[in-house]
């Protein structure tokens, strides 16, 4: 599924807890990716929003792997595919 994130253009991705949270609240998210090594204070609120809105969540082993999949030079704790 991470390959799907890599293949999406940047306007079809949200990267970071603030952007993903905003997209979730707006009902624009198709799928969320959470880094397993990220701070739970960052990922748990996103995971709760996903559960409340029935959005699928995929776990990624590391923040650096998720950042690379998003095409950024730093790690990311949260990313999403948006409509």
N, C-alpha and C. Protein backbone atom coordinates (compact mmCIF):
# COMPACT_ATOMS: atom_id res chain seq x y z
N UNK A 1 0.82 -1.20 0.00
CA UNK A 1 0.00 0.00 0.00
C UNK A 1 0.86 1.26 0.00
N UNK A 2 2.07 1.16 0.57
CA UNK A 2 2.97 2.31 0.60
C UNK A 2 3.34 2.73 -0.82
N UNK A 3 3.37 1.78 -1.75
CA UNK A 3 3.64 2.10 -3.15
C UNK A 3 2.56 3.01 -3.72
N UNK A 4 1.34 2.83 -3.27
CA UNK A 4 0.24 3.69 -3.71
C UNK A 4 0.50 5.13 -3.29
N UNK A 5 1.00 5.32 -2.08
CA UNK A 5 1.33 6.66 -1.59
C UNK A 5 2.44 7.27 -2.44
N UNK A 6 3.46 6.48 -2.75
CA UNK A 6 4.59 6.96 -3.57
C UNK A 6 4.13 7.42 -4.95
N UNK A 7 3.16 6.70 -5.50
CA UNK A 7 2.75 6.97 -6.88
C UNK A 7 1.80 8.16 -7.01
N UNK A 8 1.26 8.64 -5.90
CA UNK A 8 0.30 9.76 -5.96
C UNK A 8 1.04 11.09 -6.13
N UNK A 9 0.47 12.00 -6.91
CA UNK A 9 1.05 13.34 -7.01
C UNK A 9 0.91 14.05 -5.66
N UNK A 10 1.73 15.06 -5.44
CA UNK A 10 1.76 15.74 -4.14
C UNK A 10 0.42 16.36 -3.76
N UNK A 11 -0.40 16.73 -4.73
CA UNK A 11 -1.71 17.31 -4.38
C UNK A 11 -2.73 16.24 -3.97
N UNK A 12 -2.37 14.98 -4.04
CA UNK A 12 -3.23 13.88 -3.61
C UNK A 12 -2.71 13.24 -2.33
N UNK A 13 -1.75 13.93 -1.66
CA UNK A 13 -1.18 13.44 -0.40
C UNK A 13 -1.27 14.54 0.64
N UNK A 14 -1.43 14.14 1.87
CA UNK A 14 -1.30 15.06 3.01
C UNK A 14 -0.18 14.48 3.87
N UNK A 15 0.75 15.34 4.30
CA UNK A 15 1.90 14.88 5.06
C UNK A 15 1.97 15.67 6.36
N UNK A 16 2.09 14.96 7.47
CA UNK A 16 2.18 15.59 8.77
C UNK A 16 0.84 15.57 9.49
N UNK A 17 0.91 15.59 10.81
CA UNK A 17 -0.29 15.45 11.63
C UNK A 17 -1.29 16.58 11.40
N UNK A 18 -0.82 17.81 11.25
CA UNK A 18 -1.75 18.93 11.07
C UNK A 18 -2.51 18.81 9.75
N UNK A 19 -1.78 18.55 8.67
CA UNK A 19 -2.43 18.44 7.36
C UNK A 19 -3.38 17.25 7.30
N UNK A 20 -2.93 16.12 7.84
CA UNK A 20 -3.77 14.92 7.81
C UNK A 20 -5.00 15.12 8.69
N UNK A 21 -4.82 15.71 9.87
CA UNK A 21 -5.95 15.98 10.75
C UNK A 21 -6.98 16.88 10.10
N UNK A 22 -6.52 17.92 9.43
CA UNK A 22 -7.41 18.84 8.73
C UNK A 22 -8.17 18.11 7.62
N UNK A 23 -7.44 17.30 6.84
CA UNK A 23 -8.07 16.55 5.75
C UNK A 23 -9.09 15.55 6.29
N UNK A 24 -8.80 14.92 7.43
CA UNK A 24 -9.75 14.00 8.04
C UNK A 24 -11.01 14.74 8.47
N UNK A 25 -10.85 15.87 9.12
CA UNK A 25 -12.01 16.64 9.57
C UNK A 25 -12.85 17.14 8.39
N UNK A 26 -12.21 17.33 7.23
CA UNK A 26 -12.93 17.77 6.03
C UNK A 26 -13.49 16.61 5.22
N UNK A 27 -13.24 15.39 5.66
CA UNK A 27 -13.76 14.22 4.97
C UNK A 27 -13.09 13.92 3.64
N UNK A 28 -11.82 14.29 3.50
CA UNK A 28 -11.11 14.15 2.23
C UNK A 28 -10.17 12.95 2.17
N UNK A 29 -10.01 12.19 3.26
CA UNK A 29 -8.98 11.16 3.35
C UNK A 29 -9.49 9.80 2.90
N UNK A 30 -8.69 9.12 2.08
CA UNK A 30 -9.00 7.77 1.63
C UNK A 30 -8.29 6.73 2.47
N UNK A 31 -7.05 7.00 2.86
CA UNK A 31 -6.24 6.06 3.62
C UNK A 31 -5.16 6.83 4.38
N UNK A 32 -4.84 6.38 5.60
CA UNK A 32 -3.83 7.04 6.43
C UNK A 32 -2.68 6.07 6.69
N UNK A 33 -1.47 6.61 6.73
CA UNK A 33 -0.27 5.85 7.05
C UNK A 33 0.33 6.42 8.33
N UNK A 34 0.63 5.54 9.29
CA UNK A 34 1.22 5.95 10.56
C UNK A 34 2.55 5.24 10.76
N UNK A 35 3.58 6.00 11.13
CA UNK A 35 4.89 5.42 11.41
C UNK A 35 4.88 4.80 12.80
N UNK A 36 5.34 3.56 12.90
CA UNK A 36 5.32 2.85 14.18
C UNK A 36 6.30 3.43 15.19
N UNK A 37 7.35 4.12 14.72
CA UNK A 37 8.33 4.68 15.65
C UNK A 37 8.04 6.15 16.00
N UNK A 38 6.89 6.64 15.59
CA UNK A 38 6.51 8.03 15.88
C UNK A 38 5.97 8.15 17.31
N UNK A 39 5.99 9.36 17.82
CA UNK A 39 5.47 9.64 19.16
C UNK A 39 3.96 9.37 19.19
N UNK A 40 3.51 8.53 20.11
CA UNK A 40 2.07 8.24 20.20
C UNK A 40 1.22 9.49 20.45
N UNK A 41 1.78 10.53 21.03
CA UNK A 41 1.03 11.77 21.25
C UNK A 41 0.63 12.39 19.91
N UNK A 42 1.40 12.09 18.87
CA UNK A 42 1.11 12.60 17.53
C UNK A 42 0.17 11.66 16.79
N UNK A 43 0.43 10.37 16.87
CA UNK A 43 -0.31 9.42 16.04
C UNK A 43 -1.66 8.99 16.62
N UNK A 44 -1.79 8.92 17.95
CA UNK A 44 -3.04 8.44 18.54
C UNK A 44 -4.26 9.30 18.20
N UNK A 45 -4.17 10.64 18.26
CA UNK A 45 -5.35 11.43 17.86
C UNK A 45 -5.76 11.19 16.41
N UNK A 46 -4.79 11.00 15.54
CA UNK A 46 -5.09 10.72 14.13
C UNK A 46 -5.76 9.35 14.01
N UNK A 47 -5.23 8.38 14.74
CA UNK A 47 -5.81 7.04 14.70
C UNK A 47 -7.26 7.05 15.20
N UNK A 48 -7.55 7.84 16.22
CA UNK A 48 -8.92 7.95 16.74
C UNK A 48 -9.85 8.58 15.70
N UNK A 49 -9.38 9.65 15.03
CA UNK A 49 -10.18 10.27 13.97
C UNK A 49 -10.47 9.27 12.85
N UNK A 50 -9.46 8.47 12.50
CA UNK A 50 -9.65 7.47 11.45
C UNK A 50 -10.70 6.44 11.85
N UNK A 51 -10.62 5.99 13.10
CA UNK A 51 -11.59 5.00 13.57
C UNK A 51 -13.00 5.59 13.56
N UNK A 52 -13.15 6.82 14.00
CA UNK A 52 -14.46 7.47 14.03
C UNK A 52 -15.04 7.68 12.65
N UNK A 53 -14.18 7.83 11.64
CA UNK A 53 -14.65 8.08 10.28
C UNK A 53 -14.52 6.87 9.37
N UNK A 54 -14.16 5.73 9.94
CA UNK A 54 -14.00 4.47 9.18
C UNK A 54 -13.00 4.61 8.04
N UNK A 55 -11.88 5.28 8.32
CA UNK A 55 -10.80 5.43 7.34
C UNK A 55 -9.75 4.36 7.65
N UNK A 56 -9.29 3.66 6.63
CA UNK A 56 -8.30 2.60 6.84
C UNK A 56 -6.95 3.20 7.26
N UNK A 57 -6.25 2.45 8.12
CA UNK A 57 -4.95 2.87 8.63
C UNK A 57 -3.93 1.79 8.31
N UNK A 58 -2.82 2.22 7.73
CA UNK A 58 -1.71 1.32 7.42
C UNK A 58 -0.53 1.71 8.30
N UNK A 59 0.12 0.74 8.91
CA UNK A 59 1.30 1.00 9.73
C UNK A 59 2.55 0.87 8.86
N UNK A 60 3.48 1.80 9.06
CA UNK A 60 4.77 1.81 8.36
C UNK A 60 5.84 1.69 9.43
N UNK A 61 6.90 0.95 9.15
CA UNK A 61 7.89 0.65 10.19
C UNK A 61 8.61 1.87 10.76
N UNK A 62 8.87 2.89 9.92
CA UNK A 62 9.64 4.02 10.44
C UNK A 62 9.22 5.35 9.82
N UNK A 63 9.53 6.40 10.55
CA UNK A 63 9.24 7.76 10.06
C UNK A 63 10.06 8.05 8.80
N UNK A 64 11.31 7.58 8.78
CA UNK A 64 12.14 7.86 7.60
C UNK A 64 11.60 7.16 6.36
N UNK A 65 11.10 5.94 6.51
CA UNK A 65 10.51 5.23 5.38
C UNK A 65 9.26 5.97 4.87
N UNK A 66 8.45 6.46 5.79
CA UNK A 66 7.24 7.19 5.40
C UNK A 66 7.59 8.51 4.73
N UNK A 67 8.59 9.21 5.25
CA UNK A 67 9.04 10.45 4.63
C UNK A 67 9.53 10.23 3.21
N UNK A 68 10.32 9.18 3.01
CA UNK A 68 10.81 8.86 1.65
C UNK A 68 9.66 8.56 0.70
N UNK A 69 8.66 7.83 1.19
CA UNK A 69 7.50 7.51 0.36
C UNK A 69 6.73 8.76 -0.05
N UNK A 70 6.81 9.79 0.79
CA UNK A 70 6.13 11.05 0.51
C UNK A 70 6.99 11.99 -0.34
N UNK A 71 8.22 11.60 -0.59
CA UNK A 71 9.10 12.42 -1.40
C UNK A 71 9.71 13.59 -0.65
N UNK A 72 9.84 13.46 0.68
CA UNK A 72 10.46 14.52 1.46
C UNK A 72 11.75 14.00 2.08
N UNK A 73 12.65 14.92 2.41
CA UNK A 73 13.98 14.55 2.89
C UNK A 73 14.03 14.25 4.39
N UNK A 74 12.92 14.46 5.09
CA UNK A 74 12.87 14.20 6.53
C UNK A 74 11.80 13.15 6.81
N UNK A 75 11.81 12.61 8.01
CA UNK A 75 10.81 11.63 8.39
C UNK A 75 9.46 12.26 8.58
N UNK A 76 8.44 11.41 8.52
CA UNK A 76 7.07 11.87 8.76
C UNK A 76 6.37 10.84 9.64
N UNK A 77 5.64 11.31 10.63
CA UNK A 77 4.92 10.42 11.52
C UNK A 77 3.59 9.99 10.92
N UNK A 78 3.00 10.85 10.09
CA UNK A 78 1.67 10.62 9.54
C UNK A 78 1.62 11.11 8.10
N UNK A 79 0.93 10.36 7.26
CA UNK A 79 0.67 10.78 5.88
C UNK A 79 -0.66 10.18 5.45
N UNK A 80 -1.25 10.74 4.41
CA UNK A 80 -2.54 10.23 3.93
C UNK A 80 -2.68 10.43 2.43
N UNK A 81 -3.50 9.59 1.85
CA UNK A 81 -3.94 9.77 0.47
C UNK A 81 -5.27 10.47 0.55
N UNK A 82 -5.39 11.58 -0.18
CA UNK A 82 -6.62 12.38 -0.14
C UNK A 82 -7.28 12.41 -1.51
N UNK A 83 -8.57 12.77 -1.52
CA UNK A 83 -9.33 12.86 -2.76
C UNK A 83 -8.93 14.09 -3.53
